[in-house]
Amino acid sequence: MPQYANGHVCAIKFKGEVLQAFKQQLFGDRLVVSLIQYNADELKRLDKAREYGGNHPNMVTRFPPVERRLGRADTERIASTVAGEPYERSACLISPVWGVGRQPGRNAPASLGRY
C-alpha cells in the first residue's frame, strides 16, 4: 500500500484524482455534489476530503453531518433508530491500524482482533 507519511498522497492520487476524472468524464460540465459523511467530531479531516472531492468549479463537496453539527454518537443513534437495531459507524477494515485503541466492530472479521 503506497503512502507518504501523513500527507495522504496515496489517497489523493489513487482515490481523489481517479474520482475527479471519473466525475468529469461521466458528468461533463454539469454540477456534481459529493456528500461525505464525516461527522462534527472529525473537523480536521475536512480539508483533505475536499482535495479528494475535486477542485473543478462544478464539483462541490458537502458534509451534511458537520453542517448539522452531528457528532459520531449522534449519527450512530440516528442510524440505529432508522435501522431498528444497533448500528456502528464503519472504519476502514483493510487498514493495518484499524482498531487501535478500540475493539473491531461487531461485523469485523475475527482476524482483525489482533490489531
PDB file of N, CA and C in Angstrom:
ATOM      1  N   MET A   1       0.846  -1.158   0.000  1.00  0.00           N
ATOM      2  CA  MET A   1       0.000   0.000   0.000  1.00  0.00           C
ATOM      3  C   MET A   1       0.903   1.236   0.000  1.00  0.00           C
ATOM      4  N   PRO A   2       0.916   2.020  -1.073  1.00  0.00           N
ATOM      5  CA  PRO A   2       1.767   3.206  -1.095  1.00  0.00           C
ATOM      6  C   PRO A   2       1.223   4.280  -0.164  1.00  0.00           C
ATOM      7  N   GLN A   3       2.132   4.904   0.556  1.00  0.00           N
ATOM      8  CA  GLN A   3       1.701   6.003   1.409  1.00  0.00           C
ATOM      9  C   GLN A   3       2.876   6.932   1.642  1.00  0.00           C
ATOM     10  N   TYR A   4       2.589   8.150   1.973  1.00  0.00           N
ATOM     11  CA  TYR A   4       3.608   9.159   2.192  1.00  0.00           C
ATOM     12  C   TYR A   4       3.317   9.882   3.490  1.00  0.00           C
ATOM     13  N   ALA A   5       3.840   9.348   4.581  1.00  0.00           N
ATOM     14  CA  ALA A   5       3.681   9.938   5.922  1.00  0.00           C
ATOM     15  C   ALA A   5       2.225  10.270   6.179  1.00  0.00           C
ATOM     16  N   ASN A   6       1.972  11.462   6.659  1.00  0.00           N
ATOM     17  CA  ASN A   6       0.596  11.844   6.989  1.00  0.00           C
ATOM     18  C   ASN A   6      -0.039  12.710   5.916  1.00  0.00           C
ATOM     19  N   GLY A   7       0.581  12.809   4.758  1.00  0.00           N
ATOM     20  CA  GLY A   7       0.066  13.673   3.710  1.00  0.00           C
ATOM     21  C   GLY A   7      -1.052  13.069   2.892  1.00  0.00           C
ATOM     22  N   HIS A   8      -1.297  11.794   3.046  1.00  0.00           N
ATOM     23  CA  HIS A   8      -2.363  11.099   2.318  1.00  0.00           C
ATOM     24  C   HIS A   8      -2.183  11.221   0.810  1.00  0.00           C
ATOM     25  N   VAL A   9      -0.930  11.321   0.360  1.00  0.00           N
ATOM     26  CA  VAL A   9      -0.669  11.457  -1.063  1.00  0.00           C
ATOM     27  C   VAL A   9      -1.228  10.263  -1.823  1.00  0.00           C
ATOM     28  N   CYS A  10      -1.119   9.065  -1.242  1.00  0.00           N
ATOM     29  CA  CYS A  10      -1.628   7.881  -1.940  1.00  0.00           C
ATOM     30  C   CYS A  10      -3.135   7.979  -2.134  1.00  0.00           C
ATOM     31  N   ALA A  11      -3.840   8.446  -1.130  1.00  0.00           N
ATOM     32  CA  ALA A  11      -5.292   8.552  -1.236  1.00  0.00           C
ATOM     33  C   ALA A  11      -5.696   9.618  -2.250  1.00  0.00           C
ATOM     34  N   ILE A  12      -4.969  10.728  -2.277  1.00  0.00           N
ATOM     35  CA  ILE A  12      -5.288  11.778  -3.241  1.00  0.00           C
ATOM     36  C   ILE A  12      -5.042  11.271  -4.655  1.00  0.00           C
ATOM     37  N   LYS A  13      -3.887  10.622  -4.861  1.00  0.00           N
ATOM     38  CA  LYS A  13      -3.532  10.161  -6.202  1.00  0.00           C
ATOM     39  C   LYS A  13      -4.406   9.006  -6.671  1.00  0.00           C
ATOM     40  N   PHE A  14      -4.635   8.029  -5.797  1.00  0.00           N
ATOM     41  CA  PHE A  14      -5.326   6.821  -6.225  1.00  0.00           C
ATOM     42  C   PHE A  14      -6.822   6.827  -5.940  1.00  0.00           C
ATOM     43  N   LYS A  15      -7.310   7.803  -5.201  1.00  0.00           N
ATOM     44  CA  LYS A  15      -8.756   7.942  -4.992  1.00  0.00           C
ATOM     45  C   LYS A  15      -9.231   9.260  -5.583  1.00  0.00           C
ATOM     46  N   GLY A  16      -8.709  10.349  -5.045  1.00  0.00           N
ATOM     47  CA  GLY A  16      -9.190  11.675  -5.424  1.00  0.00           C
ATOM     48  C   GLY A  16      -9.060  11.978  -6.897  1.00  0.00           C
ATOM     49  N   GLU A  17      -7.870  11.809  -7.438  1.00  0.00           N
ATOM     50  CA  GLU A  17      -7.662  12.131  -8.846  1.00  0.00           C
ATOM     51  C   GLU A  17      -8.455  11.206  -9.758  1.00  0.00           C
ATOM     52  N   VAL A  18      -8.544   9.944  -9.389  1.00  0.00           N
ATOM     53  CA  VAL A  18      -9.318   8.983 -10.185  1.00  0.00           C
ATOM     54  C   VAL A  18     -10.800   9.348 -10.154  1.00  0.00           C
ATOM     55  N   LEU A  19     -11.306   9.674  -8.968  1.00  0.00           N
ATOM     56  CA  LEU A  19     -12.716  10.047  -8.855  1.00  0.00           C
ATOM     57  C   LEU A  19     -13.015  11.351  -9.590  1.00  0.00           C
ATOM     58  N   GLN A  20     -12.094  12.314  -9.513  1.00  0.00           N
ATOM     59  CA  GLN A  20     -12.293  13.565 -10.248  1.00  0.00           C
ATOM     60  C   GLN A  20     -12.403  13.302 -11.744  1.00  0.00           C
ATOM     61  N   ALA A  21     -11.498  12.491 -12.272  1.00  0.00           N
ATOM     62  CA  ALA A  21     -11.512  12.178 -13.704  1.00  0.00           C
ATOM     63  C   ALA A  21     -12.793  11.438 -14.083  1.00  0.00           C
ATOM     64  N   PHE A  22     -13.221  10.497 -13.233  1.00  0.00           N
ATOM     65  CA  PHE A  22     -14.448   9.746 -13.498  1.00  0.00           C
ATOM     66  C   PHE A  22     -15.660  10.675 -13.505  1.00  0.00           C
ATOM     67  N   LYS A  23     -15.741  11.552 -12.506  1.00  0.00           N
ATOM     68  CA  LYS A  23     -16.860  12.502 -12.450  1.00  0.00           C
ATOM     69  C   LYS A  23     -16.864  13.411 -13.672  1.00  0.00           C
ATOM     70  N   GLN A  24     -15.693  13.887 -14.056  1.00  0.00           N
ATOM     71  CA  GLN A  24     -15.598  14.770 -15.217  1.00  0.00           C
ATOM     72  C   GLN A  24     -16.049  14.046 -16.476  1.00  0.00           C
ATOM     73  N   GLN A  25     -15.619  12.791 -16.638  1.00  0.00           N
ATOM     74  CA  GLN A  25     -15.996  12.008 -17.813  1.00  0.00           C
ATOM     75  C   GLN A  25     -17.496  11.711 -17.808  1.00  0.00           C
ATOM     76  N   LEU A  26     -18.023  11.348 -16.661  1.00  0.00           N
ATOM     77  CA  LEU A  26     -19.424  10.947 -16.563  1.00  0.00           C
ATOM     78  C   LEU A  26     -20.391  12.124 -16.646  1.00  0.00           C
ATOM     79  N   PHE A  27     -20.044  13.228 -15.980  1.00  0.00           N
ATOM     80  CA  PHE A  27     -20.984  14.342 -15.862  1.00  0.00           C
ATOM     81  C   PHE A  27     -20.609  15.578 -16.664  1.00  0.00           C
ATOM     82  N   GLY A  28     -19.414  15.614 -17.227  1.00  0.00           N
ATOM     83  CA  GLY A  28     -19.006  16.769 -18.022  1.00  0.00           C
ATOM     84  C   GLY A  28     -19.025  18.049 -17.204  1.00  0.00           C
ATOM     85  N   ASP A  29     -19.701  19.070 -17.722  1.00  0.00           N
ATOM     86  CA  ASP A  29     -19.753  20.366 -17.041  1.00  0.00           C
ATOM     87  C   ASP A  29     -20.951  20.514 -16.107  1.00  0.00           C
ATOM     88  N   ARG A  30     -21.730  19.442 -15.941  1.00  0.00           N
ATOM     89  CA  ARG A  30     -22.868  19.519 -15.017  1.00  0.00           C
ATOM     90  C   ARG A  30     -22.372  19.565 -13.579  1.00  0.00           C
ATOM     91  N   LEU A  31     -23.157  20.153 -12.712  1.00  0.00           N
ATOM     92  CA  LEU A  31     -22.812  20.259 -11.293  1.00  0.00           C
ATOM     93  C   LEU A  31     -22.819  18.880 -10.638  1.00  0.00           C
ATOM     94  N   VAL A  32     -21.754  18.571  -9.895  1.00  0.00           N
ATOM     95  CA  VAL A  32     -21.645  17.325  -9.144  1.00  0.00           C
ATOM     96  C   VAL A  32     -21.472  17.692  -7.678  1.00  0.00           C
ATOM     97  N   VAL A  33     -22.346  17.178  -6.830  1.00  0.00           N
ATOM     98  CA  VAL A  33     -22.254  17.429  -5.394  1.00  0.00           C
ATOM     99  C   VAL A  33     -21.930  16.108  -4.705  1.00  0.00           C
ATOM    100  N   SER A  34     -20.774  16.050  -4.058  1.00  0.00           N
ATOM    101  CA  SER A  34     -20.378  14.865  -3.296  1.00  0.00           C
ATOM    102  C   SER A  34     -20.765  15.079  -1.845  1.00  0.00           C
ATOM    103  N   LEU A  35     -21.446  14.102  -1.275  1.00  0.00           N
ATOM    104  CA  LEU A  35     -21.844  14.164   0.130  1.00  0.00           C
ATOM    105  C   LEU A  35     -20.965  13.202   0.909  1.00  0.00           C
ATOM    106  N   ILE A  36     -20.127  13.741   1.791  1.00  0.00           N
ATOM    107  CA  ILE A  36     -19.211  12.925   2.582  1.00  0.00           C
ATOM    108  C   ILE A  36     -19.716  12.900   4.012  1.00  0.00           C
ATOM    109  N   GLN A  37     -19.775  11.708   4.575  1.00  0.00           N
ATOM    110  CA  GLN A  37     -20.414  11.528   5.874  1.00  0.00           C
ATOM    111  C   GLN A  37     -19.474  11.666   7.064  1.00  0.00           C
ATOM    112  N   TYR A  38     -18.456  12.522   6.965  1.00  0.00           N
ATOM    113  CA  TYR A  38     -17.674  12.840   8.161  1.00  0.00           C
ATOM    114  C   TYR A  38     -18.603  13.545   9.128  1.00  0.00           C
ATOM    115  N   ASN A  39     -18.358  13.352  10.413  1.00  0.00           N
ATOM    116  CA  ASN A  39     -19.218  13.997  11.404  1.00  0.00           C
ATOM    117  C   ASN A  39     -18.493  15.164  12.060  1.00  0.00           C
ATOM    118  N   ALA A  40     -19.197  15.875  12.922  1.00  0.00           N
ATOM    119  CA  ALA A  40     -18.656  17.087  13.542  1.00  0.00           C
ATOM    120  C   ALA A  40     -17.486  16.804  14.477  1.00  0.00           C
ATOM    121  N   ASP A  41     -17.234  15.541  14.803  1.00  0.00           N
ATOM    122  CA  ASP A  41     -16.076  15.179  15.622  1.00  0.00           C
ATOM    123  C   ASP A  41     -14.814  15.034  14.765  1.00  0.00           C
ATOM    124  N   GLU A  42     -14.936  15.165  13.458  1.00  0.00           N
ATOM    125  CA  GLU A  42     -13.825  14.899  12.536  1.00  0.00           C
ATOM    126  C   GLU A  42     -13.442  16.128  11.709  1.00  0.00           C
ATOM    127  N   LEU A  43     -13.512  17.299  12.283  1.00  0.00           N
ATOM    128  CA  LEU A  43     -13.305  18.531  11.523  1.00  0.00           C
ATOM    129  C   LEU A  43     -11.938  18.613  10.850  1.00  0.00           C
ATOM    130  N   LYS A  44     -10.918  18.034  11.470  1.00  0.00           N
ATOM    131  CA  LYS A  44      -9.579  18.132  10.876  1.00  0.00           C
ATOM    132  C   LYS A  44      -9.465  17.370   9.558  1.00  0.00           C
ATOM    133  N   ARG A  45     -10.407  16.496   9.272  1.00  0.00           N
ATOM    134  CA  ARG A  45     -10.369  15.710   8.037  1.00  0.00           C
ATOM    135  C   ARG A  45     -11.003  16.439   6.848  1.00  0.00           C
ATOM    136  N   LEU A  46     -11.708  17.531   7.087  1.00  0.00           N
ATOM    137  CA  LEU A  46     -12.482  18.169   6.024  1.00  0.00           C
ATOM    138  C   LEU A  46     -11.630  18.703   4.876  1.00  0.00           C
ATOM    139  N   ASP A  47     -10.548  19.396   5.184  1.00  0.00           N
ATOM    140  CA  ASP A  47      -9.732  19.971   4.113  1.00  0.00           C
ATOM    141  C   ASP A  47      -9.174  18.894   3.197  1.00  0.00           C
ATOM    142  N   LYS A  48      -8.694  17.798   3.790  1.00  0.00           N
ATOM    143  CA  LYS A  48      -8.145  16.710   2.986  1.00  0.00           C
ATOM    144  C   LYS A  48      -9.252  16.085   2.129  1.00  0.00           C
ATOM    145  N   ALA A  49     -10.424  15.943   2.694  1.00  0.00           N
ATOM    146  CA  ALA A  49     -11.543  15.359   1.950  1.00  0.00           C
ATOM    147  C   ALA A  49     -11.949  16.253   0.786  1.00  0.00           C
ATOM    148  N   ARG A  50     -11.835  17.544   0.956  1.00  0.00           N
ATOM    149  CA  ARG A  50     -12.161  18.457  -0.145  1.00  0.00           C
ATOM    150  C   ARG A  50     -11.205  18.243  -1.320  1.00  0.00           C
ATOM    151  N   GLU A  51      -9.949  17.887  -1.012  1.00  0.00           N
ATOM    152  CA  GLU A  51      -8.999  17.594  -2.084  1.00  0.00           C
ATOM    153  C   GLU A  51      -9.444  16.360  -2.868  1.00  0.00           C
ATOM    154  N   TYR A  52      -9.978  15.358  -2.172  1.00  0.00           N
ATOM    155  CA  TYR A  52     -10.458  14.149  -2.847  1.00  0.00           C
ATOM    156  C   TYR A  52     -11.685  14.475  -3.693  1.00  0.00           C
ATOM    157  N   GLY A  53     -12.516  15.365  -3.186  1.00  0.00           N
ATOM    158  CA  GLY A  53     -13.797  15.656  -3.814  1.00  0.00           C
ATOM    159  C   GLY A  53     -13.685  16.347  -5.151  1.00  0.00           C
ATOM    160  N   GLY A  54     -12.639  17.090  -5.362  1.00  0.00           N
ATOM    161  CA  GLY A  54     -12.456  17.732  -6.652  1.00  0.00           C
ATOM    162  C   GLY A  54     -12.192  19.219  -6.544  1.00  0.00           C
ATOM    163  N   ASN A  55     -11.384  19.701  -7.452  1.00  0.00           N
ATOM    164  CA  ASN A  55     -11.050  21.111  -7.493  1.00  0.00           C
ATOM    165  C   ASN A  55     -11.660  21.786  -8.712  1.00  0.00           C
ATOM    166  N   HIS A  56     -12.505  21.086  -9.396  1.00  0.00           N
ATOM    167  CA  HIS A  56     -13.193  21.607 -10.569  1.00  0.00           C
ATOM    168  C   HIS A  56     -14.340  22.492 -10.098  1.00  0.00           C
ATOM    169  N   PRO A  57     -14.599  23.616 -10.776  1.00  0.00           N
ATOM    170  CA  PRO A  57     -15.665  24.522 -10.315  1.00  0.00           C
ATOM    171  C   PRO A  57     -17.044  23.871 -10.229  1.00  0.00           C
ATOM    172  N   ASN A  58     -17.283  22.830 -11.017  1.00  0.00           N
ATOM    173  CA  ASN A  58     -18.589  22.171 -10.999  1.00  0.00           C
ATOM    174  C   ASN A  58     -18.641  20.983 -10.056  1.00  0.00           C
ATOM    175  N   MET A  59     -17.618  20.816  -9.213  1.00  0.00           N
ATOM    176  CA  MET A  59     -17.592  19.717  -8.250  1.00  0.00           C
ATOM    177  C   MET A  59     -17.583  20.299  -6.842  1.00  0.00           C
ATOM    178  N   VAL A  60     -18.671  20.097  -6.133  1.00  0.00           N
ATOM    179  CA  VAL A  60     -18.840  20.645  -4.789  1.00  0.00           C
ATOM    180  C   VAL A  60     -18.823  19.493  -3.789  1.00  0.00           C
ATOM    181  N   THR A  61     -18.121  19.671  -2.686  1.00  0.00           N
ATOM    182  CA  THR A  61     -18.093  18.666  -1.625  1.00  0.00           C
ATOM    183  C   THR A  61     -18.813  19.221  -0.409  1.00  0.00           C
ATOM    184  N   ARG A  62     -19.782  18.465   0.098  1.00  0.00           N
ATOM    185  CA  ARG A  62     -20.541  18.870   1.292  1.00  0.00           C
ATOM    186  C   ARG A  62     -20.441  17.784   2.351  1.00  0.00           C
ATOM    187  N   PHE A  63     -20.641  18.198   3.597  1.00  0.00           N
ATOM    188  CA  PHE A  63     -20.542  17.310   4.752  1.00  0.00           C
ATOM    189  C   PHE A  63     -21.808  17.472   5.597  1.00  0.00           C
ATOM    190  N   PRO A  64     -22.914  16.794   5.231  1.00  0.00           N
ATOM    191  CA  PRO A  64     -24.186  17.003   5.927  1.00  0.00           C
ATOM    192  C   PRO A  64     -24.134  16.843   7.448  1.00  0.00           C
ATOM    193  N   PRO A  65     -23.485  15.828   8.024  1.00  0.00           N
ATOM    194  CA  PRO A  65     -23.454  15.750   9.493  1.00  0.00           C
ATOM    195  C   PRO A  65     -22.744  16.950  10.133  1.00  0.00           C
ATOM    196  N   VAL A  66     -21.690  17.438   9.491  1.00  0.00           N
ATOM    197  CA  VAL A  66     -20.985  18.611  10.021  1.00  0.00           C
ATOM    198  C   VAL A  66     -21.885  19.835   9.925  1.00  0.00           C
ATOM    199  N   GLU A  67     -22.572  19.981   8.786  1.00  0.00           N
ATOM    200  CA  GLU A  67     -23.478  21.117   8.604  1.00  0.00           C
ATOM    201  C   GLU A  67     -24.567  21.131   9.674  1.00  0.00           C
ATOM    202  N   ARG A  68     -24.939  19.951  10.154  1.00  0.00           N
ATOM    203  CA  ARG A  68     -25.986  19.845  11.186  1.00  0.00           C
ATOM    204  C   ARG A  68     -25.398  19.700  12.593  1.00  0.00           C
ATOM    205  N   ARG A  69     -24.060  19.806  12.698  1.00  0.00           N
ATOM    206  CA  ARG A  69     -23.336  19.692  13.972  1.00  0.00           C
ATOM    207  C   ARG A  69     -23.597  18.354  14.671  1.00  0.00           C
ATOM    208  N   LEU A  70     -23.635  17.288  13.892  1.00  0.00           N
ATOM    209  CA  LEU A  70     -23.857  15.951  14.432  1.00  0.00           C
ATOM    210  C   LEU A  70     -22.524  15.248  14.637  1.00  0.00           C
ATOM    211  N   GLY A  71     -22.277  14.772  15.843  1.00  0.00           N
ATOM    212  CA  GLY A  71     -21.073  14.013  16.149  1.00  0.00           C
ATOM    213  C   GLY A  71     -21.290  12.533  15.876  1.00  0.00           C
ATOM    214  N   ARG A  72     -20.261  11.729  16.120  1.00  0.00           N
ATOM    215  CA  ARG A  72     -20.330  10.283  15.870  1.00  0.00           C
ATOM    216  C   ARG A  72     -21.474   9.631  16.646  1.00  0.00           C
ATOM    217  N   ALA A  73     -21.597   9.962  17.925  1.00  0.00           N
ATOM    218  CA  ALA A  73     -22.664   9.367  18.740  1.00  0.00           C
ATOM    219  C   ALA A  73     -24.038   9.725  18.179  1.00  0.00           C
ATOM    220  N   ASP A  74     -24.188  10.961  17.696  1.00  0.00           N
ATOM    221  CA  ASP A  74     -25.467  11.381  17.106  1.00  0.00           C
ATOM    222  C   ASP A  74     -25.786  10.563  15.859  1.00  0.00           C
ATOM    223  N   THR A  75     -24.784  10.403  14.979  1.00  0.00           N
ATOM    224  CA  THR A  75     -25.046   9.681  13.735  1.00  0.00           C
ATOM    225  C   THR A  75     -25.318   8.200  13.989  1.00  0.00           C
ATOM    226  N   GLU A  76     -24.626   7.611  14.972  1.00  0.00           N
ATOM    227  CA  GLU A  76     -24.900   6.211  15.312  1.00  0.00           C
ATOM    228  C   GLU A  76     -26.298   6.060  15.909  1.00  0.00           C
ATOM    229  N   ARG A  77     -26.704   7.008  16.743  1.00  0.00           N
ATOM    230  CA  ARG A  77     -28.040   6.960  17.348  1.00  0.00           C
ATOM    231  C   ARG A  77     -29.114   7.069  16.267  1.00  0.00           C
ATOM    232  N   ILE A  78     -28.951   8.012  15.350  1.00  0.00           N
ATOM    233  CA  ILE A  78     -29.931   8.195  14.274  1.00  0.00           C
ATOM    234  C   ILE A  78     -30.003   6.943  13.400  1.00  0.00           C
ATOM    235  N   ALA A  79     -28.847   6.410  13.012  1.00  0.00           N
ATOM    236  CA  ALA A  79     -28.828   5.208  12.172  1.00  0.00           C
ATOM    237  C   ALA A  79     -29.446   4.020  12.894  1.00  0.00           C
ATOM    238  N   SER A  80     -29.188   3.888  14.187  1.00  0.00           N
ATOM    239  CA  SER A  80     -29.773   2.791  14.971  1.00  0.00           C
ATOM    240  C   SER A  80     -31.284   2.918  15.033  1.00  0.00           C
ATOM    241  N   THR A  81     -31.767   4.143  15.184  1.00  0.00           N
ATOM    242  CA  THR A  81     -33.215   4.378  15.226  1.00  0.00           C
ATOM    243  C   THR A  81     -33.854   4.009  13.892  1.00  0.00           C
ATOM    244  N   VAL A  82     -33.244   4.437  12.802  1.00  0.00           N
ATOM    245  CA  VAL A  82     -33.781   4.149  11.468  1.00  0.00           C
ATOM    246  C   VAL A  82     -33.717   2.650  11.167  1.00  0.00           C
ATOM    247  N   ALA A  83     -32.599   2.010  11.518  1.00  0.00           N
ATOM    248  CA  ALA A  83     -32.416   0.585  11.221  1.00  0.00           C
ATOM    249  C   ALA A  83     -33.211  -0.315  12.156  1.00  0.00           C
ATOM    250  N   GLY A  84     -33.551   0.203  13.337  1.00  0.00           N
ATOM    251  CA  GLY A  84     -34.276  -0.613  14.299  1.00  0.00           C
ATOM    252  C   GLY A  84     -33.390  -1.590  15.049  1.00  0.00           C
ATOM    253  N   GLU A  85     -32.089  -1.418  14.953  1.00  0.00           N
ATOM    254  CA  GLU A  85     -31.129  -2.263  15.667  1.00  0.00           C
ATOM    255  C   GLU A  85     -29.844  -1.462  15.854  1.00  0.00           C
ATOM    256  N   PRO A  86     -28.973  -1.902  16.754  1.00  0.00           N
ATOM    257  CA  PRO A  86     -27.728  -1.156  16.979  1.00  0.00           C
ATOM    258  C   PRO A  86     -26.912  -1.033  15.692  1.00  0.00           C
ATOM    259  N   TYR A  87     -26.349   0.134  15.493  1.00  0.00           N
ATOM    260  CA  TYR A  87     -25.569   0.413  14.295  1.00  0.00           C
ATOM    261  C   TYR A  87     -24.251   1.037  14.714  1.00  0.00           C
ATOM    262  N   GLU A  88     -23.146   0.518  14.175  1.00  0.00           N
ATOM    263  CA  GLU A  88     -21.830   1.085  14.432  1.00  0.00           C
ATOM    264  C   GLU A  88     -21.309   1.687  13.139  1.00  0.00           C
ATOM    265  N   ARG A  89     -20.836   2.919  13.209  1.00  0.00           N
ATOM    266  CA  ARG A  89     -20.225   3.535  12.030  1.00  0.00           C
ATOM    267  C   ARG A  89     -19.018   2.708  11.638  1.00  0.00           C
ATOM    268  N   SER A  90     -18.790   2.578  10.368  1.00  0.00           N
ATOM    269  CA  SER A  90     -17.681   1.748   9.902  1.00  0.00           C
ATOM    270  C   SER A  90     -16.360   2.499   9.962  1.00  0.00           C
ATOM    271  N   ALA A  91     -15.310   1.727   9.902  1.00  0.00           N
ATOM    272  CA  ALA A  91     -13.954   2.238   9.751  1.00  0.00           C
ATOM    273  C   ALA A  91     -13.328   1.422   8.631  1.00  0.00           C
ATOM    274  N   CYS A  92     -12.222   1.840   8.138  1.00  0.00           N
ATOM    275  CA  CYS A  92     -11.570   1.127   7.042  1.00  0.00           C
ATOM    276  C   CYS A  92     -11.070  -0.225   7.542  1.00  0.00           C
ATOM    277  N   LEU A  93     -11.678  -1.294   7.092  1.00  0.00           N
ATOM    278  CA  LEU A  93     -11.331  -2.632   7.569  1.00  0.00           C
ATOM    279  C   LEU A  93     -10.031  -3.161   6.992  1.00  0.00           C
ATOM    280  N   ILE A  94      -9.504  -2.539   5.953  1.00  0.00           N
ATOM    281  CA  ILE A  94      -8.255  -3.039   5.391  1.00  0.00           C
ATOM    282  C   ILE A  94      -7.036  -2.310   5.932  1.00  0.00           C
ATOM    283  N   SER A  95      -7.245  -1.274   6.702  1.00  0.00           N
ATOM    284  CA  SER A  95      -6.121  -0.532   7.264  1.00  0.00           C
ATOM    285  C   SER A  95      -5.435  -1.366   8.333  1.00  0.00           C
ATOM    286  N   PRO A  96      -4.096  -1.449   8.312  1.00  0.00           N
ATOM    287  CA  PRO A  96      -3.397  -2.238   9.328  1.00  0.00           C
ATOM    288  C   PRO A  96      -3.500  -1.642  10.730  1.00  0.00           C
ATOM    289  N   VAL A  97      -3.892  -0.391  10.837  1.00  0.00           N
ATOM    290  CA  VAL A  97      -4.008   0.223  12.163  1.00  0.00           C
ATOM    291  C   VAL A  97      -5.457   0.338  12.618  1.00  0.00           C
ATOM    292  N   TRP A  98      -6.393  -0.217  11.849  1.00  0.00           N
ATOM    293  CA  TRP A  98      -7.789  -0.132  12.234  1.00  0.00           C
ATOM    294  C   TRP A  98      -7.985  -0.837  13.557  1.00  0.00           C
ATOM    295  N   GLY A  99      -8.706  -0.238  14.451  1.00  0.00           N
ATOM    296  CA  GLY A  99      -8.976  -0.850  15.741  1.00  0.00           C
ATOM    297  C   GLY A  99      -7.994  -0.445  16.812  1.00  0.00           C
ATOM    298  N   VAL A 100      -6.970   0.353  16.483  1.00  0.00           N
ATOM    299  CA  VAL A 100      -6.032   0.801  17.506  1.00  0.00           C
ATOM    300  C   VAL A 100      -6.790   1.647  18.514  1.00  0.00           C
ATOM    301  N   GLY A 101      -6.725   1.242  19.764  1.00  0.00           N
ATOM    302  CA  GLY A 101      -7.408   1.988  20.809  1.00  0.00           C
ATOM    303  C   GLY A 101      -8.864   1.627  20.984  1.00  0.00           C
ATOM    304  N   ARG A 102      -9.366   0.719  20.167  1.00  0.00           N
ATOM    305  CA  ARG A 102     -10.752   0.272  20.324  1.00  0.00           C
ATOM    306  C   ARG A 102     -10.894  -1.113  19.714  1.00  0.00           C
ATOM    307  N   GLN A 103     -11.945  -1.784  20.058  1.00  0.00           N
ATOM    308  CA  GLN A 103     -12.191  -3.124  19.544  1.00  0.00           C
ATOM    309  C   GLN A 103     -12.800  -3.039  18.149  1.00  0.00           C
ATOM    310  N   PRO A 104     -12.504  -4.014  17.283  1.00  0.00           N
ATOM    311  CA  PRO A 104     -13.153  -4.029  15.975  1.00  0.00           C
ATOM    312  C   PRO A 104     -14.669  -4.100  16.127  1.00  0.00           C
ATOM    313  N   GLY A 105     -15.371  -3.547  15.151  1.00  0.00           N
ATOM    314  CA  GLY A 105     -16.826  -3.549  15.171  1.00  0.00           C
ATOM    315  C   GLY A 105     -17.405  -4.950  15.156  1.00  0.00           C
ATOM    316  N   ARG A 106     -18.674  -5.044  15.461  1.00  0.00           N
ATOM    317  CA  ARG A 106     -19.312  -6.356  15.593  1.00  0.00           C
ATOM    318  C   ARG A 106     -19.330  -7.136  14.288  1.00  0.00           C
ATOM    319  N   ASN A 107     -19.243  -6.463  13.156  1.00  0.00           N
ATOM    320  CA  ASN A 107     -19.266  -7.150  11.866  1.00  0.00           C
ATOM    321  C   ASN A 107     -17.876  -7.348  11.272  1.00  0.00           C
ATOM    322  N   ALA A 108     -16.837  -6.994  12.018  1.00  0.00           N
ATOM    323  CA  ALA A 108     -15.468  -7.115  11.512  1.00  0.00           C
ATOM    324  C   ALA A 108     -15.023  -8.574  11.538  1.00  0.00           C
ATOM    325  N   PRO A 109     -14.176  -8.956  10.589  1.00  0.00           N
ATOM    326  CA  PRO A 109     -13.635 -10.315  10.619  1.00  0.00           C
ATOM    327  C   PRO A 109     -12.887 -10.567  11.928  1.00  0.00           C
ATOM    328  N   ALA A 110     -12.958 -11.787  12.428  1.00  0.00           N
ATOM    329  CA  ALA A 110     -12.316 -12.133  13.704  1.00  0.00           C
ATOM    330  C   ALA A 110     -10.812 -11.881  13.667  1.00  0.00           C
ATOM    331  N   SER A 111     -10.199 -12.008  12.503  1.00  0.00           N
ATOM    332  CA  SER A 111      -8.750 -11.819  12.394  1.00  0.00           C
ATOM    333  C   SER A 111      -8.310 -10.401  12.722  1.00  0.00           C
ATOM    334  N   LEU A 112      -9.231  -9.434  12.695  1.00  0.00           N
ATOM    335  CA  LEU A 112      -8.865  -8.052  12.996  1.00  0.00           C
ATOM    336  C   LEU A 112      -8.662  -7.818  14.482  1.00  0.00           C
ATOM    337  N   GLY A 113      -9.060  -8.741  15.315  1.00  0.00           N
ATOM    338  CA  GLY A 113      -8.928  -8.572  16.757  1.00  0.00           C
ATOM    339  C   GLY A 113      -7.496  -8.403  17.221  1.00  0.00           C
ATOM    340  N   ARG A 114      -6.545  -8.864  16.424  1.00  0.00           N
ATOM    341  CA  ARG A 114      -5.140  -8.756  16.837  1.00  0.00           C
ATOM    342  C   ARG A 114      -4.587  -7.349  16.656  1.00  0.00           C
ATOM    343  N   TYR A 115      -5.272  -6.464  15.954  1.00  0.00           N
ATOM    344  CA  TYR A 115      -4.754  -5.114  15.723  1.00  0.00           C
ATOM    345  C   TYR A 115      -5.115  -4.246  16.869  1.00  0.00           C
TER     346      TYR A 115
END
